[in-house]
Amino acid sequence: MKAQYLLRFDDICPTMNWGNWERLENILREYELKPILAVVPDNQDPHLSVAPPDPRFWDRVREWQTLGWTIGMHGWQHRFVTHNAGVVGVTCRSEFAGLPRKLQQEKLGAAAKIFGRQGIRSDLWIAPAHSFDYVTMRILAELGMHYISDGFSTWPFSDSLGLLWIPQQLWTFRYRPFGTWTICFHINSWTDANIAAFESNVLKYRACISTFTEVATRYRHRQKTIWDSLGASAYLHGSEAKNVFLRSSKSAYEFLTTHADSAARRLNYR
């Protein structure tokens, strides 16, 4: 089976770069694409305040939902309060990982209430900075969440809590011969050249661009295998080792020999 690509846009909030977004939304509509939109329920991150707030923000989110675009819950306030990398282990900062269960329940409950008040239906979790822990996962399942957009496996899989992990491994278009690949875009700082490149790649890969619904339906009952853990570990090692190697070949060797086992363990998402 040929590769499938999902398009995911992060940090969707009232103060995002609306100039860039308007142009990208026109491209998405023109080519009848249905992206994943990671919406921050109550943005309090000053780094995401790059434009005056749009008073019609929630009207727009509801409109995107009617178009069949997938709305994901992107944390609560997008504020990083711990240095815990969580179960995915990508970045050492988190809005949730490492916090007590009660506090995480309060945050996730507040996020869910905002979506409910605004008429937004979402059972997809998208963690800021890819960081959340097993406590977060259990609370998400209790809240009726069914999907997580994260991880480095080649195909989606269902975990022991019944959560379907749809992997997110790319930040730009890259050729892949098979597998399911979510490309995550952060558009606030994009230039005209970035937008032009995005449209060019949409035309190039259009036949392989899928939708969240299609992927979720196809893989809903697929269970995790050892190959998912090995593939995720290899992918993360390859990315990290490359970055380290560019700084020092000795450091890269040290990283691989010292951290291989721990990386494999943390990528075993239970």
Protein backbone atom coordinates (compact mmCIF):
# COMPACT_ATOMS: atom_id res chain seq x y z
CA MET A 1 0.00 0.00 0.00
CA LYS A 2 1.39 3.41 -0.98
CA ALA A 3 2.08 6.09 1.60
CA GLN A 4 -0.69 8.27 3.00
CA TYR A 5 -0.11 11.83 4.19
CA LEU A 6 -2.15 13.83 6.67
CA LEU A 7 -1.82 17.61 6.93
CA ARG A 8 -1.85 19.04 10.46
CA PHE A 9 -1.73 22.74 11.36
CA ASP A 10 -0.77 23.51 14.96
CA ASP A 11 -1.33 26.50 17.26
CA ILE A 12 -4.70 27.49 15.83
CA CYS A 13 -5.90 30.27 18.14
CA PRO A 14 -7.47 33.77 17.99
CA THR A 15 -4.09 35.53 17.76
CA MET A 16 -2.46 33.40 15.06
CA ASN A 17 -0.98 34.83 11.85
CA TRP A 18 -4.24 35.42 10.00
CA GLY A 19 -2.55 36.85 6.93
CA ASN A 20 -0.73 33.56 6.33
CA TRP A 21 -3.72 31.51 7.32
CA GLU A 22 -6.09 33.19 4.87
CA ARG A 23 -3.81 32.23 1.98
CA LEU A 24 -3.35 28.69 3.22
CA GLU A 25 -7.07 28.23 3.81
CA ASN A 26 -7.71 29.27 0.22
CA ILE A 27 -5.27 26.58 -0.96
CA LEU A 28 -6.90 23.95 1.24
CA ARG A 29 -10.35 24.83 -0.07
CA GLU A 30 -9.23 25.03 -3.69
CA TYR A 31 -7.77 21.51 -3.64
CA GLU A 32 -10.56 20.16 -1.42
CA LEU A 33 -8.20 19.04 1.32
CA LYS A 34 -9.38 18.20 4.83
CA PRO A 35 -6.60 18.96 7.31
CA ILE A 36 -6.26 18.40 11.03
CA LEU A 37 -6.41 21.68 12.95
CA ALA A 38 -4.84 21.72 16.43
CA VAL A 39 -6.98 24.31 18.24
CA VAL A 40 -5.80 25.78 21.56
CA PRO A 41 -8.95 26.07 23.75
CA ASP A 42 -7.73 29.03 25.85
CA ASN A 43 -4.43 30.33 24.52
CA GLN A 44 -2.25 32.00 27.18
CA ASP A 45 1.08 31.56 25.40
CA PRO A 46 2.48 34.98 24.43
CA HIS A 47 4.57 33.38 21.70
CA LEU A 48 1.35 32.58 19.84
CA SER A 49 0.11 36.16 20.02
CA VAL A 50 1.31 37.41 16.64
CA ALA A 51 -1.82 39.24 15.45
CA PRO A 52 -4.84 41.00 16.96
CA PRO A 53 -7.42 38.43 18.14
CA ASP A 54 -10.12 37.57 15.65
CA PRO A 55 -13.52 38.09 17.34
CA ARG A 56 -15.03 35.53 14.93
CA PHE A 57 -12.53 32.84 15.87
CA TRP A 58 -14.99 30.27 17.20
CA ASP A 59 -17.39 30.92 14.32
CA ARG A 60 -14.54 30.04 12.00
CA VAL A 61 -13.69 26.88 13.92
CA ARG A 62 -17.33 25.78 13.66
CA GLU A 63 -17.25 26.51 9.93
CA TRP A 64 -14.13 24.39 9.46
CA GLN A 65 -15.85 21.62 11.34
CA THR A 66 -18.83 21.73 8.94
CA LEU A 67 -16.38 21.39 6.04
CA GLY A 68 -15.29 18.04 7.45
CA TRP A 69 -11.96 19.35 8.72
CA THR A 70 -10.79 17.57 11.87
CA ILE A 71 -10.54 19.69 15.02
CA GLY A 72 -8.04 18.45 17.58
CA MET A 73 -7.74 19.63 21.19
CA HIS A 74 -4.27 21.21 21.39
CA GLY A 75 -3.74 21.20 25.14
CA TRP A 76 -5.53 23.79 27.24
CA GLN A 77 -3.63 27.10 27.47
CA HIS A 78 -0.40 26.11 25.68
CA ARG A 79 1.64 27.09 28.74
CA PHE A 80 4.66 24.94 29.59
CA VAL A 81 4.99 24.37 33.31
CA THR A 82 7.23 21.28 33.63
CA HIS A 83 10.46 20.00 32.08
CA ASN A 84 9.05 16.52 31.54
CA ALA A 85 9.33 14.99 28.05
CA GLY A 86 6.50 12.53 28.70
CA VAL A 87 5.94 9.23 26.92
CA VAL A 88 6.99 10.39 23.45
CA GLY A 89 10.19 11.98 24.69
CA VAL A 90 10.72 14.66 22.05
CA THR A 91 10.93 17.90 24.04
CA CYS A 92 11.62 18.49 27.73
CA ARG A 93 8.77 20.90 28.36
CA SER A 94 5.13 20.20 28.97
CA GLU A 95 1.75 21.58 29.90
CA PHE A 96 0.78 18.23 31.46
CA ALA A 97 3.51 15.59 31.86
CA GLY A 98 4.63 15.13 35.44
CA LEU A 99 1.72 16.98 37.03
CA PRO A 100 -0.56 15.33 39.66
CA ARG A 101 -3.65 13.59 38.33
CA LYS A 102 -6.05 16.07 39.95
CA LEU A 103 -4.38 19.07 38.30
CA GLN A 104 -4.32 17.36 34.93
CA GLN A 105 -8.01 16.51 35.31
CA GLU A 106 -8.80 20.16 36.02
CA LYS A 107 -6.87 21.36 32.98
CA LEU A 108 -8.28 18.79 30.57
CA GLY A 109 -11.77 19.26 31.97
CA ALA A 110 -11.53 23.02 31.44
CA ALA A 111 -10.38 22.51 27.85
CA ALA A 112 -13.23 20.10 27.16
CA LYS A 113 -15.78 22.54 28.62
CA ILE A 114 -14.58 25.34 26.35
CA PHE A 115 -14.97 23.12 23.30
CA GLY A 116 -18.41 22.05 24.53
CA ARG A 117 -19.59 25.64 25.04
CA GLN A 118 -18.43 26.53 21.55
CA GLY A 119 -20.13 23.55 19.93
CA ILE A 120 -16.86 21.92 18.91
CA ARG A 121 -16.87 18.15 18.71
CA SER A 122 -13.44 16.61 19.16
CA ASP A 123 -12.13 13.26 20.29
CA LEU A 124 -8.59 13.90 19.03
CA TRP A 125 -5.76 14.90 21.38
CA ILE A 126 -2.76 16.91 20.17
CA ALA A 127 -0.30 17.74 22.94
CA PRO A 128 1.69 20.97 22.89
CA ALA A 129 5.38 20.09 22.45
CA HIS A 130 4.40 16.40 22.05
CA SER A 131 4.56 16.02 25.82
CA PHE A 132 2.06 14.13 27.98
CA ASP A 133 2.27 11.13 30.28
CA TYR A 134 0.31 7.98 31.13
CA VAL A 135 -1.81 9.94 33.59
CA THR A 136 -2.83 12.27 30.77
CA MET A 137 -3.70 9.30 28.57
CA ARG A 138 -5.95 7.71 31.19
CA ILE A 139 -7.79 10.99 31.76
CA LEU A 140 -8.23 11.48 28.01
CA ALA A 141 -9.81 8.03 27.75
CA GLU A 142 -12.13 8.88 30.66
CA LEU A 143 -13.16 12.10 28.89
CA GLY A 144 -14.14 10.16 25.77
CA MET A 145 -11.10 10.93 23.66
CA HIS A 146 -10.37 8.18 21.14
CA TYR A 147 -7.37 9.43 19.16
CA ILE A 148 -3.86 10.78 19.70
CA SER A 149 -1.95 12.54 16.93
CA ASP A 150 1.62 11.76 17.94
CA GLY A 151 4.39 9.19 17.93
CA PHE A 152 6.88 7.86 15.39
CA SER A 153 5.45 4.53 14.25
CA THR A 154 4.94 3.84 10.55
CA TRP A 155 1.24 3.03 10.88
CA PRO A 156 -1.46 3.91 13.41
CA PHE A 157 -2.14 1.49 16.26
CA SER A 158 -4.52 1.10 19.19
CA ASP A 159 -3.05 0.98 22.70
CA SER A 160 -4.21 -0.79 25.86
CA LEU A 161 -6.55 2.10 26.75
CA GLY A 162 -8.27 1.89 23.38
CA LEU A 163 -6.66 5.12 22.16
CA LEU A 164 -5.68 5.08 18.49
CA TRP A 165 -2.27 6.63 17.92
CA ILE A 166 -1.97 8.26 14.51
CA PRO A 167 1.75 8.99 14.14
CA GLN A 168 3.17 12.45 13.49
CA GLN A 169 6.69 12.17 12.12
CA LEU A 170 7.24 14.96 9.59
CA TRP A 171 7.40 18.76 9.56
CA THR A 172 7.63 19.15 5.80
CA PHE A 173 6.75 17.05 2.78
CA ARG A 174 9.11 14.10 2.30
CA TYR A 175 8.80 11.13 -0.04
CA ARG A 176 7.92 7.90 1.72
CA PRO A 177 7.14 4.66 -0.14
CA PHE A 178 4.60 3.38 2.41
CA GLY A 179 3.11 4.10 5.83
CA THR A 180 0.95 6.83 7.33
CA TRP A 181 2.72 10.18 7.71
CA THR A 182 1.34 13.25 9.45
CA ILE A 183 3.06 16.49 8.47
CA CYS A 184 2.89 19.15 11.19
CA PHE A 185 2.97 22.80 10.11
CA HIS A 186 3.56 25.90 12.25
CA ILE A 187 2.63 28.80 10.00
CA ASN A 188 3.00 31.90 12.16
CA SER A 189 6.48 32.70 10.85
CA TRP A 190 6.00 31.51 7.27
CA THR A 191 7.13 33.65 4.37
CA ASP A 192 5.73 33.97 0.85
CA ALA A 193 8.28 31.34 -0.20
CA ASN A 194 6.99 28.89 2.43
CA ILE A 195 3.42 29.30 1.24
CA ALA A 196 4.43 28.86 -2.41
CA ALA A 197 6.39 25.72 -1.51
CA PHE A 198 3.40 24.35 0.38
CA GLU A 199 1.12 24.75 -2.64
CA SER A 200 3.73 23.21 -4.92
CA ASN A 201 4.02 20.19 -2.64
CA VAL A 202 0.25 19.87 -2.38
CA LEU A 203 0.15 19.54 -6.17
CA LYS A 204 3.02 17.05 -6.13
CA TYR A 205 1.62 14.81 -3.36
CA ARG A 206 -2.09 15.46 -3.80
CA ALA A 207 -2.94 11.88 -4.81
CA CYS A 208 -1.44 10.61 -1.55
CA ILE A 209 -2.99 13.16 0.83
CA SER A 210 -5.64 11.46 2.93
CA THR A 211 -8.04 12.54 5.68
CA PHE A 212 -8.14 11.86 9.38
CA THR A 213 -11.47 10.04 9.04
CA GLU A 214 -10.17 7.70 6.34
CA VAL A 215 -7.05 6.82 8.33
CA ALA A 216 -8.91 6.40 11.63
CA THR A 217 -11.47 4.11 10.03
CA ARG A 218 -8.87 1.97 8.30
CA TYR A 219 -6.68 1.42 11.36
CA ARG A 220 -9.16 1.67 14.24
CA HIS A 221 -8.69 -1.96 15.31
CA ARG A 222 -5.02 -2.39 14.46
CA GLN A 223 -3.08 -3.47 17.54
CA LYS A 224 0.46 -2.41 18.27
CA THR A 225 3.22 -4.81 17.30
CA ILE A 226 6.91 -5.02 18.12
CA TRP A 227 7.60 -3.52 14.71
CA ASP A 228 5.86 -0.32 15.75
CA SER A 229 8.17 0.08 18.75
CA LEU A 230 11.27 -0.80 16.74
CA GLY A 231 10.29 1.50 13.90
CA ALA A 232 9.58 4.37 16.27
CA SER A 233 12.86 3.87 18.09
CA ALA A 234 14.81 3.73 14.84
CA TYR A 235 13.09 6.83 13.52
CA LEU A 236 13.73 8.86 16.67
CA HIS A 237 17.32 7.63 16.88
CA GLY A 238 17.92 8.51 13.26
CA SER A 239 16.63 12.04 13.71
CA GLU A 240 18.38 12.68 17.00
CA ALA A 241 21.62 11.03 15.97
CA LYS A 242 21.77 13.12 12.80
CA ASN A 243 21.40 16.35 14.78
CA VAL A 244 23.97 15.30 17.33
CA PHE A 245 26.38 14.10 14.67
CA LEU A 246 26.33 17.49 13.01
CA ARG A 247 27.68 18.89 16.26
CA SER A 248 30.12 16.13 17.07
CA SER A 249 30.60 12.63 15.68
CA LYS A 250 31.94 11.51 19.05
CA SER A 251 28.81 12.82 20.79
CA ALA A 252 26.61 11.01 18.28
CA TYR A 253 28.31 7.70 19.00
CA GLU A 254 28.04 8.33 22.73
CA PHE A 255 24.32 9.16 22.40
CA LEU A 256 23.51 5.99 20.46
CA THR A 257 25.43 3.65 22.76
CA THR A 258 24.22 5.23 25.99
CA HIS A 259 20.56 5.95 25.26
CA ALA A 260 19.36 3.28 22.85
CA ASP A 261 17.69 1.12 25.49
CA SER A 262 16.02 4.00 27.33
CA ALA A 263 14.67 5.50 24.10
CA ALA A 264 13.19 2.17 23.09
CA ARG A 265 11.49 1.85 26.50
CA ARG A 266 9.98 5.32 26.45
CA LEU A 267 8.65 4.78 22.93
CA ASN A 268 6.75 1.70 24.07
CA TYR A 269 3.50 3.59 24.54
CA ARG A 270 1.93 0.72 26.52
